[in-house]
């Protein structure tokens, strides 16, 4: 098949089936085909005075990927987070944000407006720059007449600084069906500088397949709506949601954010359609980005998302965050 025939996903689907799998050439061309589609966040108009019948910040707030001068602030509008679309109309919404040096917001140092676009599940990712190093801040969002919960975040020390100490927490493998998230209650009391989540933020299994403490909603997740609802179910846990508001997080994934024991373009199951598999991966990656406090450089392009990065806590510690 000639490269010129790769201009559509239909042609790519036929090529994948013809070759019996995804070669490196087809994998790259598939990514290029999806990358040529309209940008997910390419939205210029938004409603400035939205009205909500229910509280839209039910998934809370979060922050992440701090450095010595900036940090990412996150929220997502979802009055009905466990329903398709999160209870939102497919319209872009203007969201205001504020960042203060004190919890009472008597000293607001940064503020602005962002767009919660339906293409990204009405999530908001604000990269706040020009901040002071090694200090705590408080932030909040406003949509219509609704104010979000207040979150606390921080910047890291300058790379040349030598902090006396660093306190951070590590978490992973939080299967909703196998247990309660009570560890986050203790973590919030430990006054950590940041949290590192090492993956398996969600599990993709169908309801009742992998535990009996609590129950997942629905079947094994595959569509974008499936993944969005599963993340919303996890983030609706008040202990997990509260810990996100306590301090910034560095996040990466393992396999269950997509599919158990997945490896590049290979599934653990036999006779899986390669194109359907990659489209499912694109759904998983988009939902992951939507729900995490990640920078714009991690915005997915179809089944591709860059998560590897590094951060330094002064000269005391350096974090190498890998795509696991």
C-alpha atoms as a PDB file:
ATOM      1  CA  UNK A   1       0.000   0.000   0.000  1.00  0.00           C
ATOM      2  CA  UNK A   2       1.392   3.403  -0.979  1.00  0.00           C
ATOM      3  CA  UNK A   3       1.932   6.101   1.627  1.00  0.00           C
ATOM      4  CA  UNK A   4      -0.484   8.397  -0.203  1.00  0.00           C
ATOM      5  CA  UNK A   5      -3.255   5.949   0.613  1.00  0.00           C
ATOM      6  CA  UNK A   6      -2.670   6.492   4.329  1.00  0.00           C
ATOM      7  CA  UNK A   7      -4.505   9.821   4.343  1.00  0.00           C
ATOM      8  CA  UNK A   8      -7.635   8.408   5.952  1.00  0.00           C
ATOM      9  CA  UNK A   9      -8.205   6.220   8.962  1.00  0.00           C
ATOM     10  CA  UNK A  10     -10.185   3.851   6.726  1.00  0.00           C
ATOM     11  CA  UNK A  11      -7.159   3.248   4.527  1.00  0.00           C
ATOM     12  CA  UNK A  12      -5.007   2.876   7.604  1.00  0.00           C
ATOM     13  CA  UNK A  13      -7.426   0.319   9.016  1.00  0.00           C
ATOM     14  CA  UNK A  14      -7.174  -1.749   5.832  1.00  0.00           C
ATOM     15  CA  UNK A  15      -3.393  -1.474   5.894  1.00  0.00           C
ATOM     16  CA  UNK A  16      -3.187  -2.665   9.484  1.00  0.00           C
ATOM     17  CA  UNK A  17      -5.368  -5.659   8.736  1.00  0.00           C
ATOM     18  CA  UNK A  18      -3.385  -6.399   5.560  1.00  0.00           C
ATOM     19  CA  UNK A  19      -0.108  -6.499   7.472  1.00  0.00           C
ATOM     20  CA  UNK A  20      -1.634  -8.528  10.302  1.00  0.00           C
ATOM     21  CA  UNK A  21      -0.629  -6.057  12.972  1.00  0.00           C
ATOM     22  CA  UNK A  22       0.925  -2.677  13.599  1.00  0.00           C
ATOM     23  CA  UNK A  23       4.410  -2.287  12.209  1.00  0.00           C
ATOM     24  CA  UNK A  24       6.530   0.672  13.232  1.00  0.00           C
ATOM     25  CA  UNK A  25       5.713   2.362   9.908  1.00  0.00           C
ATOM     26  CA  UNK A  26       1.972   1.916  10.343  1.00  0.00           C
ATOM     27  CA  UNK A  27       2.130   2.967  13.977  1.00  0.00           C
ATOM     28  CA  UNK A  28       3.796   6.259  13.061  1.00  0.00           C
ATOM     29  CA  UNK A  29       1.453   6.874  10.140  1.00  0.00           C
ATOM     30  CA  UNK A  30      -1.564   6.184  12.324  1.00  0.00           C
ATOM     31  CA  UNK A  31      -0.343   8.796  14.774  1.00  0.00           C
ATOM     32  CA  UNK A  32       0.192  11.253  11.935  1.00  0.00           C
ATOM     33  CA  UNK A  33      -3.336  10.639  10.663  1.00  0.00           C
ATOM     34  CA  UNK A  34      -4.848  11.412  14.047  1.00  0.00           C
ATOM     35  CA  UNK A  35      -2.557  14.386  14.568  1.00  0.00           C
ATOM     36  CA  UNK A  36      -3.979  15.923  11.398  1.00  0.00           C
ATOM     37  CA  UNK A  37      -7.448  16.028  12.946  1.00  0.00           C
ATOM     38  CA  UNK A  38      -8.633  19.299  14.556  1.00  0.00           C
ATOM     39  CA  UNK A  39      -6.826  20.254  17.766  1.00  0.00           C
ATOM     40  CA  UNK A  40      -8.756  19.072  20.816  1.00  0.00           C
ATOM     41  CA  UNK A  41      -8.471  22.383  22.614  1.00  0.00           C
ATOM     42  CA  UNK A  42      -8.974  24.658  19.600  1.00  0.00           C
ATOM     43  CA  UNK A  43     -11.859  26.645  21.064  1.00  0.00           C
ATOM     44  CA  UNK A  44     -12.125  30.426  20.894  1.00  0.00           C
ATOM     45  CA  UNK A  45     -15.699  31.193  22.002  1.00  0.00           C
ATOM     46  CA  UNK A  46     -17.193  30.375  25.379  1.00  0.00           C
ATOM     47  CA  UNK A  47     -20.258  31.184  27.446  1.00  0.00           C
ATOM     48  CA  UNK A  48     -19.320  33.866  29.950  1.00  0.00           C
ATOM     49  CA  UNK A  49     -22.404  33.633  32.177  1.00  0.00           C
ATOM     50  CA  UNK A  50     -23.355  29.969  32.378  1.00  0.00           C
ATOM     51  CA  UNK A  51     -26.138  28.760  34.637  1.00  0.00           C
ATOM     52  CA  UNK A  52     -26.018  25.427  36.417  1.00  0.00           C
ATOM     53  CA  UNK A  53     -28.888  23.552  38.029  1.00  0.00           C
ATOM     54  CA  UNK A  54     -26.378  21.556  40.086  1.00  0.00           C
ATOM     55  CA  UNK A  55     -22.974  22.378  41.543  1.00  0.00           C
ATOM     56  CA  UNK A  56     -20.478  22.049  38.654  1.00  0.00           C
ATOM     57  CA  UNK A  57     -17.296  21.455  40.697  1.00  0.00           C
ATOM     58  CA  UNK A  58     -18.242  18.033  42.040  1.00  0.00           C
ATOM     59  CA  UNK A  59     -14.900  16.563  40.953  1.00  0.00           C
ATOM     60  CA  UNK A  60     -12.960  19.072  43.018  1.00  0.00           C
ATOM     61  CA  UNK A  61      -9.710  20.825  42.178  1.00  0.00           C
ATOM     62  CA  UNK A  62      -6.110  19.730  41.779  1.00  0.00           C
ATOM     63  CA  UNK A  63      -2.652  21.039  40.960  1.00  0.00           C
ATOM     64  CA  UNK A  64       0.466  19.449  39.582  1.00  0.00           C
ATOM     65  CA  UNK A  65       3.805  19.514  37.790  1.00  0.00           C
ATOM     66  CA  UNK A  66       5.247  22.414  39.819  1.00  0.00           C
ATOM     67  CA  UNK A  67       8.652  23.921  39.229  1.00  0.00           C
ATOM     68  CA  UNK A  68      10.317  26.888  40.921  1.00  0.00           C
ATOM     69  CA  UNK A  69       8.221  29.488  39.078  1.00  0.00           C
ATOM     70  CA  UNK A  70       5.030  27.812  37.864  1.00  0.00           C
ATOM     71  CA  UNK A  71       2.393  25.182  38.527  1.00  0.00           C
ATOM     72  CA  UNK A  72      -0.644  23.661  36.803  1.00  0.00           C
ATOM     73  CA  UNK A  73      -4.114  24.276  38.254  1.00  0.00           C
ATOM     74  CA  UNK A  74      -6.887  21.844  37.323  1.00  0.00           C
ATOM     75  CA  UNK A  75     -10.623  21.419  37.571  1.00  0.00           C
ATOM     76  CA  UNK A  76     -13.419  19.920  35.501  1.00  0.00           C
ATOM     77  CA  UNK A  77     -17.026  21.044  35.211  1.00  0.00           C
ATOM     78  CA  UNK A  78     -19.332  18.073  35.815  1.00  0.00           C
ATOM     79  CA  UNK A  79     -22.654  18.649  37.627  1.00  0.00           C
ATOM     80  CA  UNK A  80     -23.497  14.969  37.009  1.00  0.00           C
ATOM     81  CA  UNK A  81     -20.054  13.356  36.831  1.00  0.00           C
ATOM     82  CA  UNK A  82     -21.284   9.762  36.561  1.00  0.00           C
ATOM     83  CA  UNK A  83     -23.393  10.456  33.477  1.00  0.00           C
ATOM     84  CA  UNK A  84     -22.289  10.717  29.859  1.00  0.00           C
ATOM     85  CA  UNK A  85     -21.135  14.269  29.264  1.00  0.00           C
ATOM     86  CA  UNK A  86     -20.934  14.943  32.992  1.00  0.00           C
ATOM     87  CA  UNK A  87     -24.315  16.660  32.903  1.00  0.00           C
ATOM     88  CA  UNK A  88     -22.942  19.402  30.643  1.00  0.00           C
ATOM     89  CA  UNK A  89     -24.259  20.690  27.330  1.00  0.00           C
ATOM     90  CA  UNK A  90     -21.707  20.486  24.477  1.00  0.00           C
ATOM     91  CA  UNK A  91     -20.789  24.154  24.846  1.00  0.00           C
ATOM     92  CA  UNK A  92     -17.556  25.850  25.855  1.00  0.00           C
ATOM     93  CA  UNK A  93     -17.704  27.576  29.249  1.00  0.00           C
ATOM     94  CA  UNK A  94     -15.566  30.417  30.548  1.00  0.00           C
ATOM     95  CA  UNK A  95     -13.975  29.647  33.910  1.00  0.00           C
ATOM     96  CA  UNK A  96     -12.225  32.236  36.054  1.00  0.00           C
ATOM     97  CA  UNK A  97      -9.363  31.353  38.374  1.00  0.00           C
ATOM     98  CA  UNK A  98      -7.504  33.039  41.204  1.00  0.00           C
ATOM     99  CA  UNK A  99      -4.265  32.265  43.014  1.00  0.00           C
ATOM    100  CA  UNK A 100      -3.464  33.882  46.348  1.00  0.00           C
ATOM    101  CA  UNK A 101      -0.625  34.038  48.848  1.00  0.00           C
ATOM    102  CA  UNK A 102      -3.089  33.464  51.678  1.00  0.00           C
ATOM    103  CA  UNK A 103      -5.986  31.109  52.277  1.00  0.00           C
ATOM    104  CA  UNK A 104      -8.498  33.941  52.727  1.00  0.00           C
ATOM    105  CA  UNK A 105      -7.634  35.331  49.263  1.00  0.00           C
ATOM    106  CA  UNK A 106      -6.734  38.707  50.686  1.00  0.00           C
ATOM    107  CA  UNK A 107      -3.547  38.752  48.604  1.00  0.00           C
ATOM    108  CA  UNK A 108      -4.406  37.538  45.100  1.00  0.00           C
ATOM    109  CA  UNK A 109      -1.232  37.520  43.006  1.00  0.00           C
ATOM    110  CA  UNK A 110      -2.478  35.874  39.810  1.00  0.00           C
ATOM    111  CA  UNK A 111      -5.874  35.555  38.149  1.00  0.00           C
ATOM    112  CA  UNK A 112      -7.288  34.936  34.730  1.00  0.00           C
ATOM    113  CA  UNK A 113      -9.802  33.174  32.534  1.00  0.00           C
ATOM    114  CA  UNK A 114      -9.739  29.756  30.921  1.00  0.00           C
ATOM    115  CA  UNK A 115     -12.066  27.788  28.667  1.00  0.00           C
ATOM    116  CA  UNK A 116     -13.680  24.514  29.690  1.00  0.00           C
ATOM    117  CA  UNK A 117     -14.224  22.927  26.282  1.00  0.00           C
ATOM    118  CA  UNK A 118     -16.478  19.928  25.575  1.00  0.00           C
ATOM    119  CA  UNK A 119     -13.717  18.490  23.372  1.00  0.00           C
ATOM    120  CA  UNK A 120     -11.711  17.978  26.568  1.00  0.00           C
ATOM    121  CA  UNK A 121     -14.591  16.938  28.802  1.00  0.00           C
ATOM    122  CA  UNK A 122     -14.948  20.496  30.157  1.00  0.00           C
ATOM    123  CA  UNK A 123     -11.628  20.130  31.953  1.00  0.00           C
ATOM    124  CA  UNK A 124      -9.437  23.139  32.704  1.00  0.00           C
ATOM    125  CA  UNK A 125      -5.633  23.157  32.798  1.00  0.00           C
ATOM    126  CA  UNK A 126      -4.098  26.504  33.764  1.00  0.00           C
ATOM    127  CA  UNK A 127      -0.323  26.920  33.733  1.00  0.00           C
ATOM    128  CA  UNK A 128       0.362  29.760  36.168  1.00  0.00           C
ATOM    129  CA  UNK A 129       3.778  31.336  35.677  1.00  0.00           C
ATOM    130  CA  UNK A 130       5.832  34.078  37.300  1.00  0.00           C
ATOM    131  CA  UNK A 131       5.497  32.739  40.852  1.00  0.00           C
ATOM    132  CA  UNK A 132       7.930  32.949  43.746  1.00  0.00           C
ATOM    133  CA  UNK A 133      10.019  29.841  44.391  1.00  0.00           C
ATOM    134  CA  UNK A 134       9.572  27.529  47.364  1.00  0.00           C
ATOM    135  CA  UNK A 135       6.305  28.856  48.717  1.00  0.00           C
ATOM    136  CA  UNK A 136       2.699  27.811  49.206  1.00  0.00           C
ATOM    137  CA  UNK A 137      -0.287  29.308  47.382  1.00  0.00           C
ATOM    138  CA  UNK A 138      -4.060  28.851  47.447  1.00  0.00           C
ATOM    139  CA  UNK A 139      -6.314  28.754  44.388  1.00  0.00           C
ATOM    140  CA  UNK A 140      -9.959  28.503  43.332  1.00  0.00           C
ATOM    141  CA  UNK A 141     -12.179  28.602  40.248  1.00  0.00           C
ATOM    142  CA  UNK A 142     -15.424  30.380  39.401  1.00  0.00           C
ATOM    143  CA  UNK A 143     -17.984  29.346  36.763  1.00  0.00           C
ATOM    144  CA  UNK A 144     -21.184  31.358  36.570  1.00  0.00           C
ATOM    145  CA  UNK A 145     -22.224  31.985  40.170  1.00  0.00           C
ATOM    146  CA  UNK A 146     -20.463  28.874  41.459  1.00  0.00           C
ATOM    147  CA  UNK A 147     -17.181  28.932  43.356  1.00  0.00           C
ATOM    148  CA  UNK A 148     -15.033  25.818  43.545  1.00  0.00           C
ATOM    149  CA  UNK A 149     -13.421  24.348  46.608  1.00  0.00           C
ATOM    150  CA  UNK A 150     -10.139  25.978  47.605  1.00  0.00           C
ATOM    151  CA  UNK A 151      -6.978  24.088  46.773  1.00  0.00           C
ATOM    152  CA  UNK A 152      -3.465  24.517  48.109  1.00  0.00           C
ATOM    153  CA  UNK A 153      -0.371  24.232  45.961  1.00  0.00           C
ATOM    154  CA  UNK A 154       3.272  25.192  45.986  1.00  0.00           C
ATOM    155  CA  UNK A 155       6.295  25.965  43.874  1.00  0.00           C
ATOM    156  CA  UNK A 156       9.586  24.113  44.224  1.00  0.00           C
ATOM    157  CA  UNK A 157      12.860  25.659  45.417  1.00  0.00           C
ATOM    158  CA  UNK A 158      15.167  27.167  42.826  1.00  0.00           C
ATOM    159  CA  UNK A 159      17.507  24.580  41.276  1.00  0.00           C
ATOM    160  CA  UNK A 160      20.536  26.127  43.016  1.00  0.00           C
ATOM    161  CA  UNK A 161      18.912  26.185  46.468  1.00  0.00           C
ATOM    162  CA  UNK A 162      19.681  23.609  49.149  1.00  0.00           C
ATOM    163  CA  UNK A 163      16.497  22.918  51.136  1.00  0.00           C
ATOM    164  CA  UNK A 164      16.868  21.410  54.582  1.00  0.00           C
ATOM    165  CA  UNK A 165      14.288  18.710  53.958  1.00  0.00           C
ATOM    166  CA  UNK A 166      11.776  17.261  51.532  1.00  0.00           C
ATOM    167  CA  UNK A 167       8.625  15.378  52.467  1.00  0.00           C
ATOM    168  CA  UNK A 168       6.709  13.637  49.714  1.00  0.00           C
ATOM    169  CA  UNK A 169       4.268  10.763  49.437  1.00  0.00           C
ATOM    170  CA  UNK A 170       4.103   7.931  46.916  1.00  0.00           C
ATOM    171  CA  UNK A 171       0.911   6.178  45.883  1.00  0.00           C
ATOM    172  CA  UNK A 172      -0.246   3.757  43.183  1.00  0.00           C
ATOM    173  CA  UNK A 173      -2.522   0.809  42.358  1.00  0.00           C
ATOM    174  CA  UNK A 174      -5.729   2.225  43.837  1.00  0.00           C
ATOM    175  CA  UNK A 175      -8.337  -0.344  42.837  1.00  0.00           C
ATOM    176  CA  UNK A 176     -11.763   1.080  43.705  1.00  0.00           C
ATOM    177  CA  UNK A 177     -13.314  -2.366  44.080  1.00  0.00           C
ATOM    178  CA  UNK A 178     -10.641  -3.793  46.365  1.00  0.00           C
ATOM    179  CA  UNK A 179     -10.577  -1.239  49.156  1.00  0.00           C
ATOM    180  CA  UNK A 180     -11.277   2.196  50.556  1.00  0.00           C
ATOM    181  CA  UNK A 181      -8.873   5.077  50.014  1.00  0.00           C
ATOM    182  CA  UNK A 182      -8.276   5.710  53.713  1.00  0.00           C
ATOM    183  CA  UNK A 183      -4.505   6.052  53.220  1.00  0.00           C
ATOM    184  CA  UNK A 184      -5.157   9.482  51.728  1.00  0.00           C
ATOM    185  CA  UNK A 185      -6.626  10.619  55.040  1.00  0.00           C
ATOM    186  CA  UNK A 186      -3.298   9.945  56.750  1.00  0.00           C
ATOM    187  CA  UNK A 187      -1.373  11.375  53.806  1.00  0.00           C
ATOM    188  CA  UNK A 188      -3.226  14.672  54.184  1.00  0.00           C
ATOM    189  CA  UNK A 189      -2.117  14.858  57.822  1.00  0.00           C
ATOM    190  CA  UNK A 190       1.525  14.209  56.941  1.00  0.00           C
ATOM    191  CA  UNK A 191       2.070  17.702  55.485  1.00  0.00           C
ATOM    192  CA  UNK A 192       3.926  16.552  52.382  1.00  0.00           C
ATOM    193  CA  UNK A 193       5.376  18.899  49.780  1.00  0.00           C
ATOM    194  CA  UNK A 194       3.940  16.897  46.899  1.00  0.00           C
ATOM    195  CA  UNK A 195       2.558  13.498  45.912  1.00  0.00           C
ATOM    196  CA  UNK A 196       3.964  11.130  43.292  1.00  0.00           C
ATOM    197  CA  UNK A 197       1.363   8.818  41.756  1.00  0.00           C
ATOM    198  CA  UNK A 198       3.140   5.942  40.032  1.00  0.00           C
ATOM    199  CA  UNK A 199       0.242   4.558  38.038  1.00  0.00           C
ATOM    200  CA  UNK A 200      -2.909   2.438  38.050  1.00  0.00           C
ATOM    201  CA  UNK A 201      -4.955   5.467  39.042  1.00  0.00           C
ATOM    202  CA  UNK A 202      -8.024   3.590  37.790  1.00  0.00           C
ATOM    203  CA  UNK A 203      -8.781  -0.016  36.869  1.00  0.00           C
ATOM    204  CA  UNK A 204     -10.572  -0.751  33.633  1.00  0.00           C
ATOM    205  CA  UNK A 205     -12.343  -3.968  34.675  1.00  0.00           C
ATOM    206  CA  UNK A 206     -16.085  -4.487  34.476  1.00  0.00           C
ATOM    207  CA  UNK A 207     -18.224  -4.187  37.590  1.00  0.00           C
ATOM    208  CA  UNK A 208     -17.532  -6.893  40.158  1.00  0.00           C
ATOM    209  CA  UNK A 209     -14.622  -8.490  38.309  1.00  0.00           C
ATOM    210  CA  UNK A 210     -11.794  -7.502  40.616  1.00  0.00           C
ATOM    211  CA  UNK A 211     -13.124  -7.016  44.139  1.00  0.00           C
ATOM    212  CA  UNK A 212     -16.167  -6.713  46.352  1.00  0.00           C
ATOM    213  CA  UNK A 213     -15.542  -3.755  48.676  1.00  0.00           C
ATOM    214  CA  UNK A 214     -17.060  -1.316  46.191  1.00  0.00           C
ATOM    215  CA  UNK A 215     -18.322  -1.776  42.653  1.00  0.00           C
ATOM    216  CA  UNK A 216     -17.265  -0.200  39.388  1.00  0.00           C
ATOM    217  CA  UNK A 217     -19.948   1.210  37.127  1.00  0.00           C
ATOM    218  CA  UNK A 218     -20.600  -0.627  33.874  1.00  0.00           C
ATOM    219  CA  UNK A 219     -18.676  -3.082  31.745  1.00  0.00           C
ATOM    220  CA  UNK A 220     -14.965  -3.047  30.929  1.00  0.00           C
ATOM    221  CA  UNK A 221     -14.298   0.456  29.696  1.00  0.00           C
ATOM    222  CA  UNK A 222     -13.415   1.145  26.059  1.00  0.00           C
ATOM    223  CA  UNK A 223     -15.064   4.343  24.804  1.00  0.00           C
ATOM    224  CA  UNK A 224     -14.059   7.878  25.755  1.00  0.00           C
ATOM    225  CA  UNK A 225     -17.275   8.245  27.761  1.00  0.00           C
ATOM    226  CA  UNK A 226     -16.499   4.965  29.553  1.00  0.00           C
ATOM    227  CA  UNK A 227     -13.082   6.205  30.633  1.00  0.00           C
ATOM    228  CA  UNK A 228     -14.418   9.610  31.657  1.00  0.00           C
ATOM    229  CA  UNK A 229     -17.075   8.064  33.877  1.00  0.00           C
ATOM    230  CA  UNK A 230     -14.593   5.641  35.455  1.00  0.00           C
ATOM    231  CA  UNK A 231     -12.225   8.494  36.333  1.00  0.00           C
ATOM    232  CA  UNK A 232     -15.164  10.465  37.690  1.00  0.00           C
ATOM    233  CA  UNK A 233     -16.186   7.544  39.883  1.00  0.00           C
ATOM    234  CA  UNK A 234     -12.696   7.365  41.371  1.00  0.00           C
ATOM    235  CA  UNK A 235     -12.347  11.138  41.782  1.00  0.00           C
ATOM    236  CA  UNK A 236     -15.751  11.268  43.481  1.00  0.00           C
ATOM    237  CA  UNK A 237     -14.148   9.484  46.427  1.00  0.00           C
ATOM    238  CA  UNK A 238     -13.924  12.307  48.957  1.00  0.00           C
ATOM    239  CA  UNK A 239     -10.565  11.226  50.411  1.00  0.00           C
ATOM    240  CA  UNK A 240      -8.861  11.050  47.020  1.00  0.00           C
ATOM    241  CA  UNK A 241     -10.451  14.307  45.924  1.00  0.00           C
ATOM    242  CA  UNK A 242      -9.437  16.043  49.142  1.00  0.00           C
ATOM    243  CA  UNK A 243      -5.820  14.892  48.838  1.00  0.00           C
ATOM    244  CA  UNK A 244      -5.610  16.403  45.370  1.00  0.00           C
ATOM    245  CA  UNK A 245      -6.525  19.751  46.932  1.00  0.00           C
ATOM    246  CA  UNK A 246      -3.860  19.515  49.663  1.00  0.00           C
ATOM    247  CA  UNK A 247      -0.712  19.794  47.521  1.00  0.00           C
ATOM    248  CA  UNK A 248       0.538  19.384  43.942  1.00  0.00           C
ATOM    249  CA  UNK A 249       0.877  15.943  42.343  1.00  0.00           C
ATOM    250  CA  UNK A 250       3.290  14.452  39.846  1.00  0.00           C
ATOM    251  CA  UNK A 251       1.490  11.692  37.966  1.00  0.00           C
ATOM    252  CA  UNK A 252       2.407   8.938  35.566  1.00  0.00           C
ATOM    253  CA  UNK A 253       0.644   5.766  34.513  1.00  0.00           C
ATOM    254  CA  UNK A 254       1.088   2.026  34.503  1.00  0.00           C
ATOM    255  CA  UNK A 255      -1.183  -0.259  32.456  1.00  0.00           C
ATOM    256  CA  UNK A 256      -4.687  -0.149  33.951  1.00  0.00           C
ATOM    257  CA  UNK A 257      -5.241   3.442  32.849  1.00  0.00           C
ATOM    258  CA  UNK A 258      -5.621   1.766  29.450  1.00  0.00           C
ATOM    259  CA  UNK A 259      -5.723  -2.044  29.558  1.00  0.00           C
ATOM    260  CA  UNK A 260      -4.187  -4.730  31.743  1.00  0.00           C
ATOM    261  CA  UNK A 261      -0.694  -5.821  30.653  1.00  0.00           C
ATOM    262  CA  UNK A 262      -0.774  -3.660  27.529  1.00  0.00           C
ATOM    263  CA  UNK A 263       2.552  -3.094  25.782  1.00  0.00           C
ATOM    264  CA  UNK A 264       2.823  -0.517  23.009  1.00  0.00           C
ATOM    265  CA  UNK A 265       0.488  -1.837  20.282  1.00  0.00           C
ATOM    266  CA  UNK A 266       0.115  -5.288  21.818  1.00  0.00           C
ATOM    267  CA  UNK A 267      -2.830  -6.543  23.857  1.00  0.00           C
ATOM    268  CA  UNK A 268      -2.708  -9.413  26.338  1.00  0.00           C
ATOM    269  CA  UNK A 269      -5.758 -10.849  24.565  1.00  0.00           C
ATOM    270  CA  UNK A 270      -5.726 -12.694  21.262  1.00  0.00           C
ATOM    271  CA  UNK A 271      -7.527 -11.669  18.081  1.00  0.00           C
ATOM    272  CA  UNK A 272      -7.898  -8.017  19.069  1.00  0.00           C
ATOM    273  CA  UNK A 273      -8.484  -5.741  16.085  1.00  0.00           C
ATOM    274  CA  UNK A 274      -5.343  -3.546  15.928  1.00  0.00           C
ATOM    275  CA  UNK A 275      -7.179  -0.414  14.848  1.00  0.00           C
ATOM    276  CA  UNK A 276      -9.870  -0.785  17.515  1.00  0.00           C
ATOM    277  CA  UNK A 277      -7.096  -1.352  20.038  1.00  0.00           C
ATOM    278  CA  UNK A 278      -5.327   1.878  19.084  1.00  0.00           C
ATOM    279  CA  UNK A 279      -8.562   3.851  19.063  1.00  0.00           C
ATOM    280  CA  UNK A 280      -9.270   2.559  22.557  1.00  0.00           C
ATOM    281  CA  UNK A 281      -5.804   3.678  23.602  1.00  0.00           C
ATOM    282  CA  UNK A 282      -6.525   7.143  22.204  1.00  0.00           C
ATOM    283  CA  UNK A 283      -9.696   7.250  24.322  1.00  0.00           C
ATOM    284  CA  UNK A 284      -7.776   6.189  27.419  1.00  0.00           C
ATOM    285  CA  UNK A 285      -5.025   8.742  26.878  1.00  0.00           C
ATOM    286  CA  UNK A 286      -7.428  11.609  26.303  1.00  0.00           C
ATOM    287  CA  UNK A 287      -9.436  10.799  29.437  1.00  0.00           C
ATOM    288  CA  UNK A 288      -6.202  10.557  31.436  1.00  0.00           C
ATOM    289  CA  UNK A 289      -5.085  14.002  30.294  1.00  0.00           C
ATOM    290  CA  UNK A 290      -8.515  15.472  30.976  1.00  0.00           C
ATOM    291  CA  UNK A 291      -8.497  14.283  34.585  1.00  0.00           C
ATOM    292  CA  UNK A 292      -4.887  15.023  35.545  1.00  0.00           C
ATOM    293  CA  UNK A 293      -3.091  18.312  36.345  1.00  0.00           C
ATOM    294  CA  UNK A 294      -0.737  18.040  33.377  1.00  0.00           C
ATOM    295  CA  UNK A 295       0.890  20.694  31.222  1.00  0.00           C
ATOM    296  CA  UNK A 296      -0.157  21.378  27.642  1.00  0.00           C
ATOM    297  CA  UNK A 297       2.924  19.586  26.344  1.00  0.00           C
ATOM    298  CA  UNK A 298       1.239  16.373  27.504  1.00  0.00           C
ATOM    299  CA  UNK A 299      -1.888  17.001  25.437  1.00  0.00           C
ATOM    300  CA  UNK A 300      -2.402  13.680  23.612  1.00  0.00           C
ATOM    301  CA  UNK A 301      -2.210  13.257  19.865  1.00  0.00           C
ATOM    302  CA  UNK A 302      -4.421  10.260  19.287  1.00  0.00           C
ATOM    303  CA  UNK A 303      -2.741   7.219  20.882  1.00  0.00           C
ATOM    304  CA  UNK A 304       0.400   9.210  21.748  1.00  0.00           C
ATOM    305  CA  UNK A 305       0.991  11.098  24.988  1.00  0.00           C
ATOM    306  CA  UNK A 306       4.346  12.173  26.411  1.00  0.00           C
ATOM    307  CA  UNK A 307       4.589  11.786  30.165  1.00  0.00           C
ATOM    308  CA  UNK A 308       8.320  11.452  30.795  1.00  0.00           C
ATOM    309  CA  UNK A 309       9.732  14.577  32.385  1.00  0.00           C
ATOM    310  CA  UNK A 310      11.926  15.709  35.253  1.00  0.00           C
ATOM    311  CA  UNK A 311      11.721  18.074  38.197  1.00  0.00           C
ATOM    312  CA  UNK A 312      14.203  19.227  40.827  1.00  0.00           C
ATOM    313  CA  UNK A 313      13.599  20.143  44.453  1.00  0.00           C
ATOM    314  CA  UNK A 314      16.521  22.528  44.652  1.00  0.00           C
ATOM    315  CA  UNK A 315      19.800  20.631  44.688  1.00  0.00           C
ATOM    316  CA  UNK A 316      18.429  18.242  47.305  1.00  0.00           C
ATOM    317  CA  UNK A 317      16.478  15.912  45.014  1.00  0.00           C
ATOM    318  CA  UNK A 318      15.789  15.326  41.345  1.00  0.00           C
ATOM    319  CA  UNK A 319      12.722  13.495  40.076  1.00  0.00           C
ATOM    320  CA  UNK A 320      12.854  11.493  36.851  1.00  0.00           C
ATOM    321  CA  UNK A 321       9.246  10.714  35.933  1.00  0.00           C
ATOM    322  CA  UNK A 322       9.047   7.868  33.446  1.00  0.00           C
ATOM    323  CA  UNK A 323       6.440   6.476  31.072  1.00  0.00           C
ATOM    324  CA  UNK A 324       6.038   3.125  32.797  1.00  0.00           C
END
